[in-house]
Amino acid sequence: MRTVSRGTLVIDIERCKGCELCIPACPPGVLAMSKEGNALGYLYPELSPGCTGCTACQQVCPDFVFEVYKYETAVPVSDDGTEAA
């Protein structure tokens, strides 16, 4: 077993103005813009699995739409050192 960083986000979609700065800032690439707009008509980021809680999205967001929750979790490791399924 080894410990890895994981995270999750709460995204305030109504505050988002669709600037998309968070998309390229996300190292694991788990953010993508929505297909539908918020109440103001702006597309907003949606989260896919794989967030590490790095806070890059939060740091670049001019509208403070992200709350990042980071945690550590144990994952099984196979003999070759990769994460076991």
PDB file of N, CA and C in Angstrom:
ATOM      1  N   MET A   1       0.850  -1.181   0.000  1.00  0.00           N
ATOM      2  CA  MET A   1       0.000   0.000   0.000  1.00  0.00           C
ATOM      3  C   MET A   1       0.890   1.237   0.000  1.00  0.00           C
ATOM      4  N   ARG A   2       0.385   2.252  -0.638  1.00  0.00           N
ATOM      5  CA  ARG A   2       1.056   3.552  -0.567  1.00  0.00           C
ATOM      6  C   ARG A   2      -0.012   4.629  -0.470  1.00  0.00           C
ATOM      7  N   THR A   3       0.377   5.782  -0.008  1.00  0.00           N
ATOM      8  CA  THR A   3      -0.556   6.887   0.163  1.00  0.00           C
ATOM      9  C   THR A   3      -0.447   7.827  -1.027  1.00  0.00           C
ATOM     10  N   VAL A   4      -1.598   8.209  -1.568  1.00  0.00           N
ATOM     11  CA  VAL A   4      -1.630   9.155  -2.681  1.00  0.00           C
ATOM     12  C   VAL A   4      -2.589  10.291  -2.350  1.00  0.00           C
ATOM     13  N   SER A   5      -2.339  11.434  -2.951  1.00  0.00           N
ATOM     14  CA  SER A   5      -3.215  12.588  -2.764  1.00  0.00           C
ATOM     15  C   SER A   5      -4.402  12.479  -3.704  1.00  0.00           C
ATOM     16  N   ARG A   6      -5.555  12.758  -3.177  1.00  0.00           N
ATOM     17  CA  ARG A   6      -6.779  12.822  -3.956  1.00  0.00           C
ATOM     18  C   ARG A   6      -7.490  14.098  -3.540  1.00  0.00           C
ATOM     19  N   GLY A   7      -8.471  14.469  -4.308  1.00  0.00           N
ATOM     20  CA  GLY A   7      -9.221  15.658  -3.957  1.00  0.00           C
ATOM     21  C   GLY A   7     -10.579  15.662  -4.599  1.00  0.00           C
ATOM     22  N   THR A   8     -11.365  16.598  -4.190  1.00  0.00           N
ATOM     23  CA  THR A   8     -12.643  16.835  -4.831  1.00  0.00           C
ATOM     24  C   THR A   8     -12.917  18.332  -4.768  1.00  0.00           C
ATOM     25  N   LEU A   9     -13.787  18.766  -5.638  1.00  0.00           N
ATOM     26  CA  LEU A   9     -14.105  20.190  -5.745  1.00  0.00           C
ATOM     27  C   LEU A   9     -15.580  20.422  -5.525  1.00  0.00           C
ATOM     28  N   VAL A  10     -15.891  21.565  -4.979  1.00  0.00           N
ATOM     29  CA  VAL A  10     -17.240  22.107  -5.035  1.00  0.00           C
ATOM     30  C   VAL A  10     -17.122  23.313  -5.942  1.00  0.00           C
ATOM     31  N   ILE A  11     -17.923  23.328  -7.000  1.00  0.00           N
ATOM     32  CA  ILE A  11     -17.866  24.396  -7.998  1.00  0.00           C
ATOM     33  C   ILE A  11     -19.156  25.201  -7.916  1.00  0.00           C
ATOM     34  N   ASP A  12     -19.033  26.491  -7.643  1.00  0.00           N
ATOM     35  CA  ASP A  12     -20.198  27.381  -7.613  1.00  0.00           C
ATOM     36  C   ASP A  12     -20.469  27.817  -9.048  1.00  0.00           C
ATOM     37  N   ILE A  13     -21.279  27.042  -9.750  1.00  0.00           N
ATOM     38  CA  ILE A  13     -21.470  27.275 -11.188  1.00  0.00           C
ATOM     39  C   ILE A  13     -22.144  28.612 -11.485  1.00  0.00           C
ATOM     40  N   GLU A  14     -22.906  29.135 -10.556  1.00  0.00           N
ATOM     41  CA  GLU A  14     -23.599  30.400 -10.807  1.00  0.00           C
ATOM     42  C   GLU A  14     -22.659  31.600 -10.757  1.00  0.00           C
ATOM     43  N   ARG A  15     -21.518  31.477 -10.104  1.00  0.00           N
ATOM     44  CA  ARG A  15     -20.535  32.572 -10.062  1.00  0.00           C
ATOM     45  C   ARG A  15     -19.594  32.545 -11.258  1.00  0.00           C
ATOM     46  N   CYS A  16     -19.527  31.414 -11.946  1.00  0.00           N
ATOM     47  CA  CYS A  16     -18.577  31.242 -13.048  1.00  0.00           C
ATOM     48  C   CYS A  16     -18.971  32.101 -14.248  1.00  0.00           C
ATOM     49  N   LYS A  17     -17.968  32.740 -14.860  1.00  0.00           N
ATOM     50  CA  LYS A  17     -18.187  33.555 -16.057  1.00  0.00           C
ATOM     51  C   LYS A  17     -17.575  32.921 -17.295  1.00  0.00           C
ATOM     52  N   GLY A  18     -17.174  31.649 -17.188  1.00  0.00           N
ATOM     53  CA  GLY A  18     -16.736  30.895 -18.354  1.00  0.00           C
ATOM     54  C   GLY A  18     -15.408  31.299 -18.951  1.00  0.00           C
ATOM     55  N   CYS A  19     -14.492  31.811 -18.160  1.00  0.00           N
ATOM     56  CA  CYS A  19     -13.202  32.275 -18.703  1.00  0.00           C
ATOM     57  C   CYS A  19     -12.309  31.120 -19.161  1.00  0.00           C
ATOM     58  N   GLU A  20     -12.532  29.923 -18.628  1.00  0.00           N
ATOM     59  CA  GLU A  20     -11.799  28.701 -18.974  1.00  0.00           C
ATOM     60  C   GLU A  20     -10.346  28.675 -18.512  1.00  0.00           C
ATOM     61  N   LEU A  21      -9.922  29.584 -17.646  1.00  0.00           N
ATOM     62  CA  LEU A  21      -8.544  29.562 -17.142  1.00  0.00           C
ATOM     63  C   LEU A  21      -8.240  28.283 -16.367  1.00  0.00           C
ATOM     64  N   CYS A  22      -9.245  27.712 -15.751  1.00  0.00           N
ATOM     65  CA  CYS A  22      -9.052  26.512 -14.945  1.00  0.00           C
ATOM     66  C   CYS A  22      -8.750  25.272 -15.786  1.00  0.00           C
ATOM     67  N   ILE A  23      -9.230  25.239 -17.006  1.00  0.00           N
ATOM     68  CA  ILE A  23      -9.089  24.031 -17.835  1.00  0.00           C
ATOM     69  C   ILE A  23      -7.620  23.705 -18.106  1.00  0.00           C
ATOM     70  N   PRO A  24      -6.826  24.614 -18.670  1.00  0.00           N
ATOM     71  CA  PRO A  24      -5.418  24.271 -18.897  1.00  0.00           C
ATOM     72  C   PRO A  24      -4.586  24.254 -17.612  1.00  0.00           C
ATOM     73  N   ALA A  25      -5.089  24.875 -16.545  1.00  0.00           N
ATOM     74  CA  ALA A  25      -4.345  24.902 -15.281  1.00  0.00           C
ATOM     75  C   ALA A  25      -4.402  23.566 -14.547  1.00  0.00           C
ATOM     76  N   CYS A  26      -5.354  22.728 -14.880  1.00  0.00           N
ATOM     77  CA  CYS A  26      -5.573  21.461 -14.173  1.00  0.00           C
ATOM     78  C   CYS A  26      -4.567  20.400 -14.621  1.00  0.00           C
ATOM     79  N   PRO A  27      -3.560  20.068 -13.768  1.00  0.00           N
ATOM     80  CA  PRO A  27      -2.543  19.089 -14.174  1.00  0.00           C
ATOM     81  C   PRO A  27      -3.096  17.717 -14.554  1.00  0.00           C
ATOM     82  N   PRO A  28      -4.069  17.151 -13.791  1.00  0.00           N
ATOM     83  CA  PRO A  28      -4.572  15.849 -14.221  1.00  0.00           C
ATOM     84  C   PRO A  28      -5.595  15.933 -15.358  1.00  0.00           C
ATOM     85  N   GLY A  29      -5.974  17.147 -15.755  1.00  0.00           N
ATOM     86  CA  GLY A  29      -6.898  17.309 -16.878  1.00  0.00           C
ATOM     87  C   GLY A  29      -8.298  16.784 -16.623  1.00  0.00           C
ATOM     88  N   VAL A  30      -8.808  16.968 -15.420  1.00  0.00           N
ATOM     89  CA  VAL A  30     -10.118  16.422 -15.078  1.00  0.00           C
ATOM     90  C   VAL A  30     -11.245  17.456 -15.123  1.00  0.00           C
ATOM     91  N   LEU A  31     -10.944  18.658 -15.591  1.00  0.00           N
ATOM     92  CA  LEU A  31     -11.984  19.671 -15.764  1.00  0.00           C
ATOM     93  C   LEU A  31     -12.298  19.832 -17.242  1.00  0.00           C
ATOM     94  N   ALA A  32     -13.576  19.981 -17.540  1.00  0.00           N
ATOM     95  CA  ALA A  32     -14.023  20.244 -18.908  1.00  0.00           C
ATOM     96  C   ALA A  32     -15.211  21.193 -18.824  1.00  0.00           C
ATOM     97  N   MET A  33     -15.385  22.002 -19.845  1.00  0.00           N
ATOM     98  CA  MET A  33     -16.495  22.946 -19.833  1.00  0.00           C
ATOM     99  C   MET A  33     -17.813  22.223 -20.112  1.00  0.00           C
ATOM    100  N   SER A  34     -18.845  22.696 -19.453  1.00  0.00           N
ATOM    101  CA  SER A  34     -20.180  22.122 -19.595  1.00  0.00           C
ATOM    102  C   SER A  34     -20.731  22.377 -20.996  1.00  0.00           C
ATOM    103  N   LYS A  35     -21.758  21.660 -21.323  1.00  0.00           N
ATOM    104  CA  LYS A  35     -22.455  21.866 -22.597  1.00  0.00           C
ATOM    105  C   LYS A  35     -23.600  22.869 -22.433  1.00  0.00           C
ATOM    106  N   GLU A  36     -24.042  23.055 -21.194  1.00  0.00           N
ATOM    107  CA  GLU A  36     -25.136  23.977 -20.893  1.00  0.00           C
ATOM    108  C   GLU A  36     -24.605  25.171 -20.118  1.00  0.00           C
ATOM    109  N   GLY A  37     -25.286  26.293 -20.219  1.00  0.00           N
ATOM    110  CA  GLY A  37     -24.882  27.486 -19.496  1.00  0.00           C
ATOM    111  C   GLY A  37     -25.523  27.578 -18.121  1.00  0.00           C
ATOM    112  N   ASN A  38     -24.932  28.420 -17.268  1.00  0.00           N
ATOM    113  CA  ASN A  38     -25.523  28.692 -15.959  1.00  0.00           C
ATOM    114  C   ASN A  38     -26.652  29.714 -16.135  1.00  0.00           C
ATOM    115  N   ALA A  39     -27.155  30.265 -15.048  1.00  0.00           N
ATOM    116  CA  ALA A  39     -28.279  31.208 -15.120  1.00  0.00           C
ATOM    117  C   ALA A  39     -27.947  32.453 -15.937  1.00  0.00           C
ATOM    118  N   LEU A  40     -26.653  32.806 -16.008  1.00  0.00           N
ATOM    119  CA  LEU A  40     -26.234  33.972 -16.792  1.00  0.00           C
ATOM    120  C   LEU A  40     -25.859  33.604 -18.232  1.00  0.00           C
ATOM    121  N   GLY A  41     -25.933  32.310 -18.551  1.00  0.00           N
ATOM    122  CA  GLY A  41     -25.627  31.859 -19.901  1.00  0.00           C
ATOM    123  C   GLY A  41     -24.186  31.438 -20.131  1.00  0.00           C
ATOM    124  N   TYR A  42     -23.361  31.470 -19.097  1.00  0.00           N
ATOM    125  CA  TYR A  42     -21.949  31.089 -19.237  1.00  0.00           C
ATOM    126  C   TYR A  42     -21.770  29.583 -19.074  1.00  0.00           C
ATOM    127  N   LEU A  43     -20.891  29.001 -19.887  1.00  0.00           N
ATOM    128  CA  LEU A  43     -20.492  27.621 -19.662  1.00  0.00           C
ATOM    129  C   LEU A  43     -19.616  27.589 -18.424  1.00  0.00           C
ATOM    130  N   TYR A  44     -19.621  26.503 -17.714  1.00  0.00           N
ATOM    131  CA  TYR A  44     -18.881  26.385 -16.462  1.00  0.00           C
ATOM    132  C   TYR A  44     -18.121  25.057 -16.442  1.00  0.00           C
ATOM    133  N   PRO A  45     -17.081  24.936 -15.607  1.00  0.00           N
ATOM    134  CA  PRO A  45     -16.314  23.694 -15.559  1.00  0.00           C
ATOM    135  C   PRO A  45     -17.069  22.585 -14.832  1.00  0.00           C
ATOM    136  N   GLU A  46     -16.881  21.375 -15.334  1.00  0.00           N
ATOM    137  CA  GLU A  46     -17.414  20.186 -14.682  1.00  0.00           C
ATOM    138  C   GLU A  46     -16.239  19.273 -14.345  1.00  0.00           C
ATOM    139  N   LEU A  47     -16.363  18.563 -13.251  1.00  0.00           N
ATOM    140  CA  LEU A  47     -15.287  17.718 -12.740  1.00  0.00           C
ATOM    141  C   LEU A  47     -15.506  16.264 -13.118  1.00  0.00           C
ATOM    142  N   SER A  48     -14.468  15.637 -13.651  1.00  0.00           N
ATOM    143  CA  SER A  48     -14.441  14.196 -13.887  1.00  0.00           C
ATOM    144  C   SER A  48     -13.595  13.561 -12.790  1.00  0.00           C
ATOM    145  N   PRO A  49     -13.677  12.249 -12.607  1.00  0.00           N
ATOM    146  CA  PRO A  49     -12.841  11.592 -11.594  1.00  0.00           C
ATOM    147  C   PRO A  49     -11.349  11.795 -11.861  1.00  0.00           C
ATOM    148  N   GLY A  50     -10.573  11.866 -10.798  1.00  0.00           N
ATOM    149  CA  GLY A  50      -9.124  11.971 -10.920  1.00  0.00           C
ATOM    150  C   GLY A  50      -8.519  13.208 -10.295  1.00  0.00           C
ATOM    151  N   CYS A  51      -9.325  14.028  -9.648  1.00  0.00           N
ATOM    152  CA  CYS A  51      -8.813  15.237  -8.998  1.00  0.00           C
ATOM    153  C   CYS A  51      -7.809  14.861  -7.914  1.00  0.00           C
ATOM    154  N   THR A  52      -6.689  15.576  -7.874  1.00  0.00           N
ATOM    155  CA  THR A  52      -5.662  15.338  -6.856  1.00  0.00           C
ATOM    156  C   THR A  52      -5.707  16.363  -5.727  1.00  0.00           C
ATOM    157  N   GLY A  53      -6.561  17.370  -5.848  1.00  0.00           N
ATOM    158  CA  GLY A  53      -6.644  18.405  -4.824  1.00  0.00           C
ATOM    159  C   GLY A  53      -5.497  19.389  -4.871  1.00  0.00           C
ATOM    160  N   CYS A  54      -4.893  19.568  -6.035  1.00  0.00           N
ATOM    161  CA  CYS A  54      -3.691  20.407  -6.156  1.00  0.00           C
ATOM    162  C   CYS A  54      -3.971  21.904  -6.001  1.00  0.00           C
ATOM    163  N   THR A  55      -5.180  22.343  -6.139  1.00  0.00           N
ATOM    164  CA  THR A  55      -5.663  23.729  -6.028  1.00  0.00           C
ATOM    165  C   THR A  55      -5.281  24.631  -7.199  1.00  0.00           C
ATOM    166  N   ALA A  56      -4.749  24.087  -8.288  1.00  0.00           N
ATOM    167  CA  ALA A  56      -4.377  24.929  -9.432  1.00  0.00           C
ATOM    168  C   ALA A  56      -5.589  25.680  -9.979  1.00  0.00           C
ATOM    169  N   CYS A  57      -6.729  25.025 -10.068  1.00  0.00           N
ATOM    170  CA  CYS A  57      -7.944  25.674 -10.571  1.00  0.00           C
ATOM    171  C   CYS A  57      -8.341  26.838  -9.666  1.00  0.00           C
ATOM    172  N   GLN A  58      -8.270  26.605  -8.384  1.00  0.00           N
ATOM    173  CA  GLN A  58      -8.630  27.624  -7.399  1.00  0.00           C
ATOM    174  C   GLN A  58      -7.697  28.829  -7.490  1.00  0.00           C
ATOM    175  N   GLN A  59      -6.436  28.588  -7.732  1.00  0.00           N
ATOM    176  CA  GLN A  59      -5.452  29.661  -7.790  1.00  0.00           C
ATOM    177  C   GLN A  59      -5.629  30.562  -9.004  1.00  0.00           C
ATOM    178  N   VAL A  60      -6.074  30.027 -10.141  1.00  0.00           N
ATOM    179  CA  VAL A  60      -6.201  30.850 -11.348  1.00  0.00           C
ATOM    180  C   VAL A  60      -7.584  31.457 -11.528  1.00  0.00           C
ATOM    181  N   CYS A  61      -8.563  31.028 -10.751  1.00  0.00           N
ATOM    182  CA  CYS A  61      -9.945  31.473 -10.959  1.00  0.00           C
ATOM    183  C   CYS A  61     -10.166  32.902 -10.449  1.00  0.00           C
ATOM    184  N   PRO A  62     -10.518  33.835 -11.348  1.00  0.00           N
ATOM    185  CA  PRO A  62     -10.754  35.216 -10.918  1.00  0.00           C
ATOM    186  C   PRO A  62     -12.091  35.409 -10.197  1.00  0.00           C
ATOM    187  N   ASP A  63     -12.975  34.411 -10.281  1.00  0.00           N
ATOM    188  CA  ASP A  63     -14.300  34.547  -9.687  1.00  0.00           C
ATOM    189  C   ASP A  63     -14.506  33.695  -8.437  1.00  0.00           C
ATOM    190  N   PHE A  64     -13.451  33.036  -7.971  1.00  0.00           N
ATOM    191  CA  PHE A  64     -13.484  32.262  -6.722  1.00  0.00           C
ATOM    192  C   PHE A  64     -14.614  31.233  -6.698  1.00  0.00           C
ATOM    193  N   VAL A  65     -14.740  30.460  -7.766  1.00  0.00           N
ATOM    194  CA  VAL A  65     -15.830  29.488  -7.846  1.00  0.00           C
ATOM    195  C   VAL A  65     -15.477  28.122  -7.261  1.00  0.00           C
ATOM    196  N   PHE A  66     -14.206  27.885  -6.929  1.00  0.00           N
ATOM    197  CA  PHE A  66     -13.773  26.560  -6.480  1.00  0.00           C
ATOM    198  C   PHE A  66     -13.521  26.494  -4.980  1.00  0.00           C
ATOM    199  N   GLU A  67     -14.025  25.435  -4.351  1.00  0.00           N
ATOM    200  CA  GLU A  67     -13.625  25.042  -3.004  1.00  0.00           C
ATOM    201  C   GLU A  67     -12.967  23.684  -3.174  1.00  0.00           C
ATOM    202  N   VAL A  68     -11.706  23.562  -2.776  1.00  0.00           N
ATOM    203  CA  VAL A  68     -10.952  22.327  -2.965  1.00  0.00           C
ATOM    204  C   VAL A  68     -10.828  21.599  -1.634  1.00  0.00           C
ATOM    205  N   TYR A  69     -11.122  20.317  -1.658  1.00  0.00           N
ATOM    206  CA  TYR A  69     -10.990  19.462  -0.485  1.00  0.00           C
ATOM    207  C   TYR A  69      -9.987  18.369  -0.819  1.00  0.00           C
ATOM    208  N   LYS A  70      -8.875  18.364  -0.102  1.00  0.00           N
ATOM    209  CA  LYS A  70      -7.796  17.419  -0.362  1.00  0.00           C
ATOM    210  C   LYS A  70      -7.750  16.378   0.749  1.00  0.00           C
ATOM    211  N   TYR A  71      -7.440  15.148   0.362  1.00  0.00           N
ATOM    212  CA  TYR A  71      -7.291  14.083   1.345  1.00  0.00           C
ATOM    213  C   TYR A  71      -6.263  13.077   0.851  1.00  0.00           C
ATOM    214  N   GLU A  72      -5.741  12.306   1.755  1.00  0.00           N
ATOM    215  CA  GLU A  72      -4.785  11.246   1.433  1.00  0.00           C
ATOM    216  C   GLU A  72      -5.533   9.919   1.516  1.00  0.00           C
ATOM    217  N   THR A  73      -5.209   9.006   0.631  1.00  0.00           N
ATOM    218  CA  THR A  73      -5.836   7.694   0.652  1.00  0.00           C
ATOM    219  C   THR A  73      -4.801   6.621   0.354  1.00  0.00           C
ATOM    220  N   ALA A  74      -5.002   5.463   0.916  1.00  0.00           N
ATOM    221  CA  ALA A  74      -4.094   4.344   0.668  1.00  0.00           C
ATOM    222  C   ALA A  74      -4.585   3.571  -0.551  1.00  0.00           C
ATOM    223  N   VAL A  75      -3.668   3.226  -1.436  1.00  0.00           N
ATOM    224  CA  VAL A  75      -4.008   2.417  -2.607  1.00  0.00           C
ATOM    225  C   VAL A  75      -3.102   1.199  -2.640  1.00  0.00           C
ATOM    226  N   PRO A  76      -3.646   0.063  -3.066  1.00  0.00           N
ATOM    227  CA  PRO A  76      -2.806  -1.124  -3.187  1.00  0.00           C
ATOM    228  C   PRO A  76      -1.824  -0.974  -4.342  1.00  0.00           C
ATOM    229  N   VAL A  77      -0.638  -1.529  -4.170  1.00  0.00           N
ATOM    230  CA  VAL A  77       0.407  -1.450  -5.188  1.00  0.00           C
ATOM    231  C   VAL A  77       0.777  -2.870  -5.603  1.00  0.00           C
ATOM    232  N   SER A  78       0.873  -3.094  -6.916  1.00  0.00           N
ATOM    233  CA  SER A  78       1.261  -4.416  -7.411  1.00  0.00           C
ATOM    234  C   SER A  78       2.771  -4.599  -7.298  1.00  0.00           C
ATOM    235  N   ASP A  79       3.253  -5.777  -7.628  1.00  0.00           N
ATOM    236  CA  ASP A  79       4.681  -6.096  -7.513  1.00  0.00           C
ATOM    237  C   ASP A  79       5.569  -5.190  -8.355  1.00  0.00           C
ATOM    238  N   ASP A  80       5.035  -4.677  -9.477  1.00  0.00           N
ATOM    239  CA  ASP A  80       5.857  -3.814 -10.336  1.00  0.00           C
ATOM    240  C   ASP A  80       5.815  -2.345  -9.919  1.00  0.00           C
ATOM    241  N   GLY A  81       5.135  -2.048  -8.804  1.00  0.00           N
ATOM    242  CA  GLY A  81       5.116  -0.690  -8.277  1.00  0.00           C
ATOM    243  C   GLY A  81       3.986   0.184  -8.777  1.00  0.00           C
ATOM    244  N   THR A  82       3.126  -0.338  -9.641  1.00  0.00           N
ATOM    245  CA  THR A  82       1.997   0.440 -10.143  1.00  0.00           C
ATOM    246  C   THR A  82       0.779   0.193  -9.265  1.00  0.00           C
ATOM    247  N   GLU A  83      -0.188   1.095  -9.355  1.00  0.00           N
ATOM    248  CA  GLU A  83      -1.413   0.923  -8.586  1.00  0.00           C
ATOM    249  C   GLU A  83      -2.125  -0.328  -9.060  1.00  0.00           C
ATOM    250  N   ALA A  84      -2.506  -1.172  -8.123  1.00  0.00           N
ATOM    251  CA  ALA A  84      -3.235  -2.393  -8.454  1.00  0.00           C
ATOM    252  C   ALA A  84      -4.696  -2.055  -8.694  1.00  0.00           C
ATOM    253  N   ALA A  85      -5.324  -2.824  -9.540  1.00  0.00           N
ATOM    254  CA  ALA A  85      -6.736  -2.582  -9.871  1.00  0.00           C
ATOM    255  C   ALA A  85      -7.652  -3.016  -8.762  1.00  0.00           C
TER     256      ALA A  85
END
